[in-house]
Amino acid sequence: NLIVASAERAGYLAPMPQVPANLPPSTRTGLAVLDG
């Protein structure tokens, strides 16, 4: 929730493209957290 809210506020989360239901969507952009 924190990452999604921050990504929307900072512009890292682009609108989701329309893809067939059986394919995973990909925007080629976004925000992620990786551990150590």
PDB file of all heavy atoms in Angstrom:
ATOM      1  N   ASN A   1       0.832  -1.212   0.000  1.00  0.00           N
ATOM      2  CA  ASN A   1       0.000   0.000   0.000  1.00  0.00           C
ATOM      3  C   ASN A   1       0.864   1.258   0.000  1.00  0.00           C
ATOM      4  O   ASN A   1       0.576   2.241  -0.702  1.00  0.00           O
ATOM      5  CB  ASN A   1      -0.934   0.007   1.202  1.00  0.00           C
ATOM      6  CG  ASN A   1      -1.975  -1.095   1.125  1.00  0.00           C
ATOM      7  OD1 ASN A   1      -2.313  -1.562   0.031  1.00  0.00           O
ATOM      8  ND2 ASN A   1      -2.487  -1.537   2.270  1.00  0.00           N
ATOM      9  N   LEU A   2       1.923   1.230   0.811  1.00  0.00           N
ATOM     10  CA  LEU A   2       2.809   2.396   0.889  1.00  0.00           C
ATOM     11  C   LEU A   2       3.513   2.632  -0.442  1.00  0.00           C
ATOM     12  O   LEU A   2       3.610   3.771  -0.926  1.00  0.00           O
ATOM     13  CB  LEU A   2       3.846   2.182   2.001  1.00  0.00           C
ATOM     14  CG  LEU A   2       4.880   3.311   2.192  1.00  0.00           C
ATOM     15  CD1 LEU A   2       4.173   4.615   2.533  1.00  0.00           C
ATOM     16  CD2 LEU A   2       5.889   2.926   3.261  1.00  0.00           C
ATOM     17  N   ILE A   3       3.984   1.553  -1.077  1.00  0.00           N
ATOM     18  CA  ILE A   3       4.698   1.691  -2.347  1.00  0.00           C
ATOM     19  C   ILE A   3       3.767   2.183  -3.442  1.00  0.00           C
ATOM     20  O   ILE A   3       4.101   3.075  -4.227  1.00  0.00           O
ATOM     21  CB  ILE A   3       5.352   0.353  -2.739  1.00  0.00           C
ATOM     22  CG1 ILE A   3       6.470   0.006  -1.763  1.00  0.00           C
ATOM     23  CG2 ILE A   3       5.906   0.425  -4.159  1.00  0.00           C
ATOM     24  CD1 ILE A   3       7.561   1.029  -1.689  1.00  0.00           C
ATOM     25  N   VAL A   4       2.565   1.619  -3.499  1.00  0.00           N
ATOM     26  CA  VAL A   4       1.616   2.025  -4.542  1.00  0.00           C
ATOM     27  C   VAL A   4       1.239   3.494  -4.370  1.00  0.00           C
ATOM     28  O   VAL A   4       1.205   4.271  -5.328  1.00  0.00           O
ATOM     29  CB  VAL A   4       0.365   1.128  -4.511  1.00  0.00           C
ATOM     30  CG1 VAL A   4      -0.725   1.702  -5.430  1.00  0.00           C
ATOM     31  CG2 VAL A   4       0.724  -0.279  -4.951  1.00  0.00           C
ATOM     32  N   ALA A   5       0.959   3.906  -3.109  1.00  0.00           N
ATOM     33  CA  ALA A   5       0.587   5.307  -2.867  1.00  0.00           C
ATOM     34  C   ALA A   5       1.739   6.242  -3.221  1.00  0.00           C
ATOM     35  O   ALA A   5       1.547   7.298  -3.843  1.00  0.00           O
ATOM     36  CB  ALA A   5       0.173   5.493  -1.405  1.00  0.00           C
ATOM     37  N   SER A   6       2.947   5.848  -2.834  1.00  0.00           N
ATOM     38  CA  SER A   6       4.102   6.693  -3.138  1.00  0.00           C
ATOM     39  C   SER A   6       4.371   6.746  -4.637  1.00  0.00           C
ATOM     40  O   SER A   6       4.723   7.795  -5.184  1.00  0.00           O
ATOM     41  CB  SER A   6       5.344   6.167  -2.401  1.00  0.00           C
ATOM     42  OG  SER A   6       5.144   6.184  -0.998  1.00  0.00           O
ATOM     43  N   ALA A   7       4.206   5.614  -5.310  1.00  0.00           N
ATOM     44  CA  ALA A   7       4.436   5.590  -6.757  1.00  0.00           C
ATOM     45  C   ALA A   7       3.428   6.461  -7.491  1.00  0.00           C
ATOM     46  O   ALA A   7       3.771   7.168  -8.442  1.00  0.00           O
ATOM     47  CB  ALA A   7       4.368   4.158  -7.277  1.00  0.00           C
ATOM     48  N   GLU A   8       2.169   6.420  -7.063  1.00  0.00           N
ATOM     49  CA  GLU A   8       1.157   7.270  -7.701  1.00  0.00           C
ATOM     50  C   GLU A   8       1.466   8.742  -7.463  1.00  0.00           C
ATOM     51  O   GLU A   8       1.339   9.572  -8.376  1.00  0.00           O
ATOM     52  CB  GLU A   8      -0.233   6.928  -7.155  1.00  0.00           C
ATOM     53  CG  GLU A   8      -0.740   5.569  -7.594  1.00  0.00           C
ATOM     54  CD  GLU A   8      -2.092   5.231  -6.968  1.00  0.00           C
ATOM     55  OE1 GLU A   8      -2.454   5.889  -5.973  1.00  0.00           O
ATOM     56  OE2 GLU A   8      -2.762   4.340  -7.491  1.00  0.00           O
ATOM     57  N   ARG A   9       1.874   9.084  -6.246  1.00  0.00           N
ATOM     58  CA  ARG A   9       2.153  10.475  -5.932  1.00  0.00           C
ATOM     59  C   ARG A   9       3.394  10.987  -6.681  1.00  0.00           C
ATOM     60  O   ARG A   9       3.424  12.133  -7.131  1.00  0.00           O
ATOM     61  CB  ARG A   9       2.365  10.637  -4.427  1.00  0.00           C
ATOM     62  CG  ARG A   9       2.554  12.096  -3.984  1.00  0.00           C
ATOM     63  CD  ARG A   9       2.610  12.232  -2.472  1.00  0.00           C
ATOM     64  NE  ARG A   9       3.759  11.544  -1.890  1.00  0.00           N
ATOM     65  CZ  ARG A   9       3.694  10.428  -1.200  1.00  0.00           C
ATOM     66  NH1 ARG A   9       2.537   9.828  -0.994  1.00  0.00           N
ATOM     67  NH2 ARG A   9       4.793   9.853  -0.695  1.00  0.00           N
ATOM     68  N   ALA A  10       4.404  10.164  -6.835  1.00  0.00           N
ATOM     69  CA  ALA A  10       5.655  10.589  -7.469  1.00  0.00           C
ATOM     70  C   ALA A  10       5.665  10.378  -8.973  1.00  0.00           C
ATOM     71  O   ALA A  10       6.611  10.771  -9.638  1.00  0.00           O
ATOM     72  CB  ALA A  10       6.835   9.837  -6.847  1.00  0.00           C
ATOM     73  N   GLY A  11       4.614   9.765  -9.529  1.00  0.00           N
ATOM     74  CA  GLY A  11       4.567   9.584 -10.969  1.00  0.00           C
ATOM     75  C   GLY A  11       5.294   8.352 -11.457  1.00  0.00           C
ATOM     76  O   GLY A  11       5.511   8.195 -12.660  1.00  0.00           O
ATOM     77  N   TYR A  12       5.654   7.425 -10.554  1.00  0.00           N
ATOM     78  CA  TYR A  12       6.317   6.201 -10.977  1.00  0.00           C
ATOM     79  C   TYR A  12       5.311   5.160 -11.472  1.00  0.00           C
ATOM     80  O   TYR A  12       5.696   4.164 -12.072  1.00  0.00           O
ATOM     81  CB  TYR A  12       7.124   5.601  -9.823  1.00  0.00           C
ATOM     82  CG  TYR A  12       8.492   6.190  -9.682  1.00  0.00           C
ATOM     83  CD1 TYR A  12       8.714   7.304  -8.875  1.00  0.00           C
ATOM     84  CD2 TYR A  12       9.575   5.649 -10.366  1.00  0.00           C
ATOM     85  CE1 TYR A  12       9.966   7.852  -8.749  1.00  0.00           C
ATOM     86  CE2 TYR A  12      10.832   6.194 -10.243  1.00  0.00           C
ATOM     87  CZ  TYR A  12      11.028   7.286  -9.442  1.00  0.00           C
ATOM     88  OH  TYR A  12      12.270   7.824  -9.328  1.00  0.00           O
ATOM     89  N   LEU A  13       4.036   5.333 -11.207  1.00  0.00           N
ATOM     90  CA  LEU A  13       3.023   4.354 -11.572  1.00  0.00           C
ATOM     91  C   LEU A  13       2.256   4.886 -12.765  1.00  0.00           C
ATOM     92  O   LEU A  13       1.442   5.812 -12.653  1.00  0.00           O
ATOM     93  CB  LEU A  13       2.071   4.104 -10.388  1.00  0.00           C
ATOM     94  CG  LEU A  13       1.108   2.933 -10.558  1.00  0.00           C
ATOM     95  CD1 LEU A  13       1.872   1.644 -10.818  1.00  0.00           C
ATOM     96  CD2 LEU A  13       0.223   2.788  -9.331  1.00  0.00           C
ATOM     97  N   ALA A  14       2.524   4.364 -13.945  1.00  0.00           N
ATOM     98  CA  ALA A  14       1.840   4.796 -15.162  1.00  0.00           C
ATOM     99  C   ALA A  14       0.516   4.063 -15.298  1.00  0.00           C
ATOM    100  O   ALA A  14       0.287   3.015 -14.667  1.00  0.00           O
ATOM    101  CB  ALA A  14       2.725   4.512 -16.373  1.00  0.00           C
ATOM    102  N   PRO A  15      -0.429   4.586 -16.102  1.00  0.00           N
ATOM    103  CA  PRO A  15      -1.708   3.898 -16.317  1.00  0.00           C
ATOM    104  C   PRO A  15      -1.474   2.499 -16.875  1.00  0.00           C
ATOM    105  O   PRO A  15      -0.604   2.271 -17.713  1.00  0.00           O
ATOM    106  CB  PRO A  15      -2.434   4.803 -17.321  1.00  0.00           C
ATOM    107  CG  PRO A  15      -1.788   6.130 -17.171  1.00  0.00           C
ATOM    108  CD  PRO A  15      -0.375   5.859 -16.808  1.00  0.00           C
ATOM    109  N   MET A  16      -2.271   1.539 -16.399  1.00  0.00           N
ATOM    110  CA  MET A  16      -2.129   0.148 -16.821  1.00  0.00           C
ATOM    111  C   MET A  16      -2.595  -0.016 -18.260  1.00  0.00           C
ATOM    112  O   MET A  16      -3.679   0.428 -18.624  1.00  0.00           O
ATOM    113  CB  MET A  16      -2.944  -0.763 -15.904  1.00  0.00           C
ATOM    114  CG  MET A  16      -2.435  -0.773 -14.466  1.00  0.00           C
ATOM    115  SD  MET A  16      -0.816  -1.556 -14.333  1.00  0.00           S
ATOM    116  CE  MET A  16      -1.243  -3.247 -14.715  1.00  0.00           C
ATOM    117  N   PRO A  17      -1.797  -0.628 -19.124  1.00  0.00           N
ATOM    118  CA  PRO A  17      -2.234  -0.859 -20.510  1.00  0.00           C
ATOM    119  C   PRO A  17      -3.301  -1.949 -20.572  1.00  0.00           C
ATOM    120  O   PRO A  17      -3.396  -2.802 -19.685  1.00  0.00           O
ATOM    121  CB  PRO A  17      -0.940  -1.285 -21.201  1.00  0.00           C
ATOM    122  CG  PRO A  17      -0.124  -1.909 -20.115  1.00  0.00           C
ATOM    123  CD  PRO A  17      -0.441  -1.147 -18.868  1.00  0.00           C
ATOM    124  N   GLN A  18      -4.133  -1.891 -21.602  1.00  0.00           N
ATOM    125  CA  GLN A  18      -5.166  -2.897 -21.813  1.00  0.00           C
ATOM    126  C   GLN A  18      -4.523  -4.140 -22.439  1.00  0.00           C
ATOM    127  O   GLN A  18      -3.964  -4.094 -23.526  1.00  0.00           O
ATOM    128  CB  GLN A  18      -6.259  -2.339 -22.735  1.00  0.00           C
ATOM    129  CG  GLN A  18      -6.969  -1.133 -22.157  1.00  0.00           C
ATOM    130  CD  GLN A  18      -7.731  -1.466 -20.879  1.00  0.00           C
ATOM    131  OE1 GLN A  18      -8.255  -2.575 -20.748  1.00  0.00           O
ATOM    132  NE2 GLN A  18      -7.761  -0.541 -19.944  1.00  0.00           N
ATOM    133  N   VAL A  19      -4.591  -5.274 -21.733  1.00  0.00           N
ATOM    134  CA  VAL A  19      -4.012  -6.532 -22.222  1.00  0.00           C
ATOM    135  C   VAL A  19      -5.054  -7.623 -22.066  1.00  0.00           C
ATOM    136  O   VAL A  19      -6.013  -7.488 -21.283  1.00  0.00           O
ATOM    137  CB  VAL A  19      -2.736  -6.893 -21.430  1.00  0.00           C
ATOM    138  CG1 VAL A  19      -1.676  -5.835 -21.627  1.00  0.00           C
ATOM    139  CG2 VAL A  19      -3.033  -7.048 -19.947  1.00  0.00           C
ATOM    140  N   PRO A  20      -4.934  -8.701 -22.817  1.00  0.00           N
ATOM    141  CA  PRO A  20      -5.855  -9.833 -22.630  1.00  0.00           C
ATOM    142  C   PRO A  20      -5.848 -10.312 -21.195  1.00  0.00           C
ATOM    143  O   PRO A  20      -4.856 -10.205 -20.482  1.00  0.00           O
ATOM    144  CB  PRO A  20      -5.296 -10.884 -23.602  1.00  0.00           C
ATOM    145  CG  PRO A  20      -4.565 -10.090 -24.636  1.00  0.00           C
ATOM    146  CD  PRO A  20      -4.002  -8.913 -23.927  1.00  0.00           C
ATOM    147  N   ALA A  21      -6.947 -10.849 -20.777  1.00  0.00           N
ATOM    148  CA  ALA A  21      -7.119 -11.224 -19.363  1.00  0.00           C
ATOM    149  C   ALA A  21      -6.142 -12.297 -18.924  1.00  0.00           C
ATOM    150  O   ALA A  21      -5.782 -12.376 -17.757  1.00  0.00           O
ATOM    151  CB  ALA A  21      -8.562 -11.700 -19.121  1.00  0.00           C
ATOM    152  N   ASN A  22      -5.703 -13.147 -19.855  1.00  0.00           N
ATOM    153  CA  ASN A  22      -4.817 -14.246 -19.465  1.00  0.00           C
ATOM    154  C   ASN A  22      -3.344 -13.870 -19.508  1.00  0.00           C
ATOM    155  O   ASN A  22      -2.482 -14.714 -19.364  1.00  0.00           O
ATOM    156  CB  ASN A  22      -5.060 -15.451 -20.366  1.00  0.00           C
ATOM    157  CG  ASN A  22      -4.810 -15.120 -21.828  1.00  0.00           C
ATOM    158  OD1 ASN A  22      -4.762 -13.949 -22.187  1.00  0.00           O
ATOM    159  ND2 ASN A  22      -4.678 -16.149 -22.671  1.00  0.00           N
ATOM    160  N   LEU A  23      -3.038 -12.567 -19.759  1.00  0.00           N
ATOM    161  CA  LEU A  23      -1.639 -12.122 -19.802  1.00  0.00           C
ATOM    162  C   LEU A  23      -1.373 -11.163 -18.660  1.00  0.00           C
ATOM    163  O   LEU A  23      -2.220 -10.317 -18.355  1.00  0.00           O
ATOM    164  CB  LEU A  23      -1.329 -11.433 -21.128  1.00  0.00           C
ATOM    165  CG  LEU A  23      -1.399 -12.331 -22.379  1.00  0.00           C
ATOM    166  CD1 LEU A  23      -1.141 -11.501 -23.623  1.00  0.00           C
ATOM    167  CD2 LEU A  23      -0.401 -13.474 -22.280  1.00  0.00           C
ATOM    168  N   PRO A  24      -0.208 -11.262 -18.029  1.00  0.00           N
ATOM    169  CA  PRO A  24       0.101 -10.319 -16.934  1.00  0.00           C
ATOM    170  C   PRO A  24       0.372  -8.939 -17.498  1.00  0.00           C
ATOM    171  O   PRO A  24       1.068  -8.802 -18.488  1.00  0.00           O
ATOM    172  CB  PRO A  24       1.375 -10.923 -16.303  1.00  0.00           C
ATOM    173  CG  PRO A  24       1.995 -11.714 -17.409  1.00  0.00           C
ATOM    174  CD  PRO A  24       0.854 -12.259 -18.231  1.00  0.00           C
ATOM    175  N   PRO A  25      -0.215  -7.900 -16.886  1.00  0.00           N
ATOM    176  CA  PRO A  25       0.025  -6.531 -17.380  1.00  0.00           C
ATOM    177  C   PRO A  25       1.452  -6.079 -17.055  1.00  0.00           C
ATOM    178  O   PRO A  25       2.027  -6.478 -16.055  1.00  0.00           O
ATOM    179  CB  PRO A  25      -1.000  -5.695 -16.618  1.00  0.00           C
ATOM    180  CG  PRO A  25      -1.222  -6.461 -15.357  1.00  0.00           C
ATOM    181  CD  PRO A  25      -1.106  -7.909 -15.717  1.00  0.00           C
ATOM    182  N   SER A  26       2.003  -5.234 -17.912  1.00  0.00           N
ATOM    183  CA  SER A  26       3.335  -4.667 -17.677  1.00  0.00           C
ATOM    184  C   SER A  26       3.366  -3.234 -18.187  1.00  0.00           C
ATOM    185  O   SER A  26       3.002  -2.980 -19.327  1.00  0.00           O
ATOM    186  CB  SER A  26       4.415  -5.487 -18.372  1.00  0.00           C
ATOM    187  OG  SER A  26       5.670  -4.887 -18.225  1.00  0.00           O
ATOM    188  N   THR A  27       3.750  -2.330 -17.327  1.00  0.00           N
ATOM    189  CA  THR A  27       3.850  -0.920 -17.720  1.00  0.00           C
ATOM    190  C   THR A  27       5.280  -0.522 -18.031  1.00  0.00           C
ATOM    191  O   THR A  27       5.529   0.576 -18.476  1.00  0.00           O
ATOM    192  CB  THR A  27       3.336  -0.024 -16.586  1.00  0.00           C
ATOM    193  OG1 THR A  27       4.171  -0.211 -15.435  1.00  0.00           O
ATOM    194  CG2 THR A  27       1.898  -0.336 -16.257  1.00  0.00           C
ATOM    195  N   ARG A  28       6.238  -1.426 -17.767  1.00  0.00           N
ATOM    196  CA  ARG A  28       7.680  -1.163 -17.925  1.00  0.00           C
ATOM    197  C   ARG A  28       8.182  -0.084 -16.969  1.00  0.00           C
ATOM    198  O   ARG A  28       9.292   0.360 -17.071  1.00  0.00           O
ATOM    199  CB  ARG A  28       8.023  -0.785 -19.362  1.00  0.00           C
ATOM    200  CG  ARG A  28       7.783  -1.902 -20.362  1.00  0.00           C
ATOM    201  CD  ARG A  28       8.406  -1.603 -21.704  1.00  0.00           C
ATOM    202  NE  ARG A  28       8.175  -2.682 -22.652  1.00  0.00           N
ATOM    203  CZ  ARG A  28       8.930  -3.775 -22.751  1.00  0.00           C
ATOM    204  NH1 ARG A  28       9.943  -3.916 -21.923  1.00  0.00           N
ATOM    205  NH2 ARG A  28       8.660  -4.699 -23.643  1.00  0.00           N
ATOM    206  N   THR A  29       7.316   0.411 -16.081  1.00  0.00           N
ATOM    207  CA  THR A  29       7.727   1.381 -15.068  1.00  0.00           C
ATOM    208  C   THR A  29       7.127   0.964 -13.738  1.00  0.00           C
ATOM    209  O   THR A  29       6.267   0.075 -13.670  1.00  0.00           O
ATOM    210  CB  THR A  29       7.256   2.795 -15.415  1.00  0.00           C
ATOM    211  OG1 THR A  29       5.827   2.820 -15.430  1.00  0.00           O
ATOM    212  CG2 THR A  29       7.784   3.245 -16.764  1.00  0.00           C
ATOM    213  N   GLY A  30       7.558   1.639 -12.694  1.00  0.00           N
ATOM    214  CA  GLY A  30       6.980   1.365 -11.387  1.00  0.00           C
ATOM    215  C   GLY A  30       8.005   1.505 -10.289  1.00  0.00           C
ATOM    216  O   GLY A  30       9.118   1.992 -10.493  1.00  0.00           O
ATOM    217  N   LEU A  31       7.605   1.017  -9.113  1.00  0.00           N
ATOM    218  CA  LEU A  31       8.420   1.162  -7.911  1.00  0.00           C
ATOM    219  C   LEU A  31       8.426  -0.170  -7.190  1.00  0.00           C
ATOM    220  O   LEU A  31       7.378  -0.837  -7.088  1.00  0.00           O
ATOM    221  CB  LEU A  31       7.836   2.258  -7.019  1.00  0.00           C
ATOM    222  CG  LEU A  31       8.670   2.755  -5.848  1.00  0.00           C
ATOM    223  CD1 LEU A  31       9.992   3.318  -6.336  1.00  0.00           C
ATOM    224  CD2 LEU A  31       7.896   3.827  -5.093  1.00  0.00           C
ATOM    225  N   ALA A  32       9.581  -0.581  -6.673  1.00  0.00           N
ATOM    226  CA  ALA A  32       9.708  -1.873  -6.008  1.00  0.00           C
ATOM    227  C   ALA A  32      10.627  -1.740  -4.810  1.00  0.00           C
ATOM    228  O   ALA A  32      11.460  -0.831  -4.733  1.00  0.00           O
ATOM    229  CB  ALA A  32      10.248  -2.920  -6.972  1.00  0.00           C
ATOM    230  N   VAL A  33      10.441  -2.708  -3.847  1.00  0.00           N
ATOM    231  CA  VAL A  33      11.295  -2.800  -2.660  1.00  0.00           C
ATOM    232  C   VAL A  33      12.010  -4.134  -2.705  1.00  0.00           C
ATOM    233  O   VAL A  33      11.369  -5.187  -2.864  1.00  0.00           O
ATOM    234  CB  VAL A  33      10.478  -2.666  -1.365  1.00  0.00           C
ATOM    235  CG1 VAL A  33      11.394  -2.817  -0.152  1.00  0.00           C
ATOM    236  CG2 VAL A  33       9.763  -1.337  -1.314  1.00  0.00           C
ATOM    237  N   LEU A  34      13.327  -4.108  -2.571  1.00  0.00           N
ATOM    238  CA  LEU A  34      14.138  -5.316  -2.504  1.00  0.00           C
ATOM    239  C   LEU A  34      14.813  -5.360  -1.147  1.00  0.00           C
ATOM    240  O   LEU A  34      15.146  -4.320  -0.566  1.00  0.00           O
ATOM    241  CB  LEU A  34      15.186  -5.336  -3.614  1.00  0.00           C
ATOM    242  CG  LEU A  34      14.652  -5.397  -5.054  1.00  0.00           C
ATOM    243  CD1 LEU A  34      14.427  -3.988  -5.596  1.00  0.00           C
ATOM    244  CD2 LEU A  34      15.607  -6.171  -5.954  1.00  0.00           C
ATOM    245  N   ASP A  35      14.991  -6.589  -0.628  1.00  0.00           N
ATOM    246  CA  ASP A  35      15.611  -6.702   0.693  1.00  0.00           C
ATOM    247  C   ASP A  35      17.129  -6.606   0.571  1.00  0.00           C
ATOM    248  O   ASP A  35      17.672  -6.360  -0.510  1.00  0.00           O
ATOM    249  CB  ASP A  35      15.182  -8.008   1.371  1.00  0.00           C
ATOM    250  CG  ASP A  35      15.613  -9.244   0.583  1.00  0.00           C
ATOM    251  OD1 ASP A  35      16.554  -9.138  -0.257  1.00  0.00           O
ATOM    252  OD2 ASP A  35      15.021 -10.315   0.770  1.00  0.00           O
ATOM    253  N   GLY A  36      17.812  -6.809   1.696  1.00  0.00           N
ATOM    254  CA  GLY A  36      19.259  -6.638   1.728  1.00  0.00           C
ATOM    255  C   GLY A  36      20.024  -7.670   0.938  1.00  0.00           C
ATOM    256  O   GLY A  36      21.220  -7.511   0.726  1.00  0.00           O
TER     257      GLY A  36
END
